Amino acid sequence: MLRFVLFVILFIIVTRLFWRLIDGVIEGVRGGATARSVSAVKLVRDPVCGTFVATTTAISANAGGSTHYFCSEECRSRFEGGRGKG
């Protein structure tokens, strides 16, 4: 009896894995989630704290002909305050 129960459990596991494999193949052929193109987001490093931020959502400031990106107003203020010193 125990062998039969273990066999049924093994059969259920193997069947489920087989159908997951088939679903993945079908989804890949259709261009599902695994084949869907994802647009990349450019990340830049905040020069004050080192945090990586997306250029689309970052706070920016122009200095010396180049654009710098910051994660917060505080970092931008610290950057602008530190440029005049030294």
C-alpha atoms as a PDB file:
ATOM      1  CA  MET A   1       0.000   0.000   0.000  1.00  0.00           C
ATOM      2  CA  LEU A   2       2.807   2.403   0.854  1.00  0.00           C
ATOM      3  CA  ARG A   3       4.487   1.723  -2.484  1.00  0.00           C
ATOM      4  CA  PHE A   4       1.280   2.581  -4.309  1.00  0.00           C
ATOM      5  CA  VAL A   5       0.914   5.910  -2.456  1.00  0.00           C
ATOM      6  CA  LEU A   6       4.544   6.818  -3.181  1.00  0.00           C
ATOM      7  CA  PHE A   7       4.066   5.884  -6.829  1.00  0.00           C
ATOM      8  CA  VAL A   8       0.978   8.113  -7.083  1.00  0.00           C
ATOM      9  CA  ILE A   9       2.839  11.022  -5.479  1.00  0.00           C
ATOM     10  CA  LEU A  10       5.798  10.534  -7.844  1.00  0.00           C
ATOM     11  CA  PHE A  11       3.449  10.339 -10.823  1.00  0.00           C
ATOM     12  CA  ILE A  12       1.756  13.608  -9.811  1.00  0.00           C
ATOM     13  CA  ILE A  13       5.107  15.388  -9.418  1.00  0.00           C
ATOM     14  CA  VAL A  14       6.451  14.157 -12.758  1.00  0.00           C
ATOM     15  CA  THR A  15       3.190  15.034 -14.536  1.00  0.00           C
ATOM     16  CA  ARG A  16       3.174  18.524 -13.066  1.00  0.00           C
ATOM     17  CA  LEU A  17       6.804  19.136 -14.059  1.00  0.00           C
ATOM     18  CA  PHE A  18       6.060  17.905 -17.574  1.00  0.00           C
ATOM     19  CA  TRP A  19       3.127  20.304 -17.975  1.00  0.00           C
ATOM     20  CA  ARG A  20       5.163  23.218 -16.618  1.00  0.00           C
ATOM     21  CA  LEU A  21       7.814  22.443 -19.217  1.00  0.00           C
ATOM     22  CA  ILE A  22       5.233  22.290 -22.004  1.00  0.00           C
ATOM     23  CA  ASP A  23       3.637  25.574 -20.827  1.00  0.00           C
ATOM     24  CA  GLY A  24       7.064  27.243 -20.861  1.00  0.00           C
ATOM     25  CA  VAL A  25       7.774  26.055 -24.387  1.00  0.00           C
ATOM     26  CA  ILE A  26       4.370  27.240 -25.617  1.00  0.00           C
ATOM     27  CA  GLU A  27       4.805  30.618 -23.897  1.00  0.00           C
ATOM     28  CA  GLY A  28       8.260  31.009 -25.461  1.00  0.00           C
ATOM     29  CA  VAL A  29       6.935  30.214 -28.932  1.00  0.00           C
ATOM     30  CA  ARG A  30       4.098  32.696 -28.519  1.00  0.00           C
ATOM     31  CA  GLY A  31       6.480  35.413 -27.350  1.00  0.00           C
ATOM     32  CA  GLY A  32       5.335  35.393 -23.753  1.00  0.00           C
ATOM     33  CA  ALA A  33       7.044  36.793 -20.684  1.00  0.00           C
ATOM     34  CA  THR A  34      10.383  35.092 -21.308  1.00  0.00           C
ATOM     35  CA  ALA A  35      10.638  36.368 -24.894  1.00  0.00           C
ATOM     36  CA  ARG A  36       9.137  39.815 -24.272  1.00  0.00           C
ATOM     37  CA  SER A  37      11.508  42.699 -24.881  1.00  0.00           C
ATOM     38  CA  VAL A  38      12.230  44.940 -21.922  1.00  0.00           C
ATOM     39  CA  SER A  39      13.405  48.482 -22.433  1.00  0.00           C
ATOM     40  CA  ALA A  40      16.604  49.284 -20.573  1.00  0.00           C
ATOM     41  CA  VAL A  41      16.870  52.206 -18.177  1.00  0.00           C
ATOM     42  CA  LYS A  42      20.156  54.095 -18.085  1.00  0.00           C
ATOM     43  CA  LEU A  43      21.577  54.360 -14.578  1.00  0.00           C
ATOM     44  CA  VAL A  44      24.147  56.917 -13.476  1.00  0.00           C
ATOM     45  CA  ARG A  45      26.009  57.283 -10.209  1.00  0.00           C
ATOM     46  CA  ASP A  46      25.287  60.159  -7.841  1.00  0.00           C
ATOM     47  CA  PRO A  47      28.692  61.890  -7.376  1.00  0.00           C
ATOM     48  CA  VAL A  48      27.956  62.721  -3.736  1.00  0.00           C
ATOM     49  CA  CYS A  49      26.612  59.533  -2.145  1.00  0.00           C
ATOM     50  CA  GLY A  50      27.337  56.970  -4.864  1.00  0.00           C
ATOM     51  CA  THR A  51      23.744  55.804  -5.301  1.00  0.00           C
ATOM     52  CA  PHE A  52      22.769  54.665  -8.787  1.00  0.00           C
ATOM     53  CA  VAL A  53      19.752  56.565 -10.138  1.00  0.00           C
ATOM     54  CA  ALA A  54      17.776  56.478 -13.382  1.00  0.00           C
ATOM     55  CA  THR A  55      18.406  59.527 -15.537  1.00  0.00           C
ATOM     56  CA  THR A  56      14.666  59.840 -16.161  1.00  0.00           C
ATOM     57  CA  THR A  57      13.849  60.316 -12.461  1.00  0.00           C
ATOM     58  CA  ALA A  58      17.082  61.864 -11.152  1.00  0.00           C
ATOM     59  CA  ILE A  59      17.593  65.472 -10.122  1.00  0.00           C
ATOM     60  CA  SER A  60      20.156  67.059 -12.424  1.00  0.00           C
ATOM     61  CA  ALA A  61      22.530  70.002 -12.378  1.00  0.00           C
ATOM     62  CA  ASN A  62      24.856  71.361 -15.052  1.00  0.00           C
ATOM     63  CA  ALA A  63      28.427  72.098 -14.030  1.00  0.00           C
ATOM     64  CA  GLY A  64      31.462  72.723 -16.172  1.00  0.00           C
ATOM     65  CA  GLY A  65      29.661  71.853 -19.380  1.00  0.00           C
ATOM     66  CA  SER A  66      28.480  68.448 -18.182  1.00  0.00           C
ATOM     67  CA  THR A  67      25.296  67.223 -16.531  1.00  0.00           C
ATOM     68  CA  HIS A  68      25.427  65.578 -13.109  1.00  0.00           C
ATOM     69  CA  TYR A  69      22.569  63.467 -11.728  1.00  0.00           C
ATOM     70  CA  PHE A  70      21.573  63.200  -8.069  1.00  0.00           C
ATOM     71  CA  CYS A  71      19.286  61.001  -6.003  1.00  0.00           C
ATOM     72  CA  SER A  72      17.966  63.896  -3.885  1.00  0.00           C
ATOM     73  CA  GLU A  73      17.931  67.660  -3.442  1.00  0.00           C
ATOM     74  CA  GLU A  74      20.238  67.217  -0.459  1.00  0.00           C
ATOM     75  CA  CYS A  75      22.922  65.567  -2.603  1.00  0.00           C
ATOM     76  CA  ARG A  76      22.594  68.244  -5.253  1.00  0.00           C
ATOM     77  CA  SER A  77      22.924  70.992  -2.613  1.00  0.00           C
ATOM     78  CA  ARG A  78      25.989  69.312  -1.102  1.00  0.00           C
ATOM     79  CA  PHE A  79      27.540  69.030  -4.571  1.00  0.00           C
ATOM     80  CA  GLU A  80      26.847  72.675  -5.430  1.00  0.00           C
ATOM     81  CA  GLY A  81      28.099  73.820  -2.021  1.00  0.00           C
ATOM     82  CA  GLY A  82      31.301  71.782  -2.328  1.00  0.00           C
ATOM     83  CA  ARG A  83      32.210  73.043  -5.821  1.00  0.00           C
ATOM     84  CA  GLY A  84      33.097  76.529  -4.633  1.00  0.00           C
ATOM     85  CA  LYS A  85      35.401  75.223  -1.880  1.00  0.00           C
ATOM     86  CA  GLY A  86      38.898  73.917  -2.302  1.00  0.00           C
END
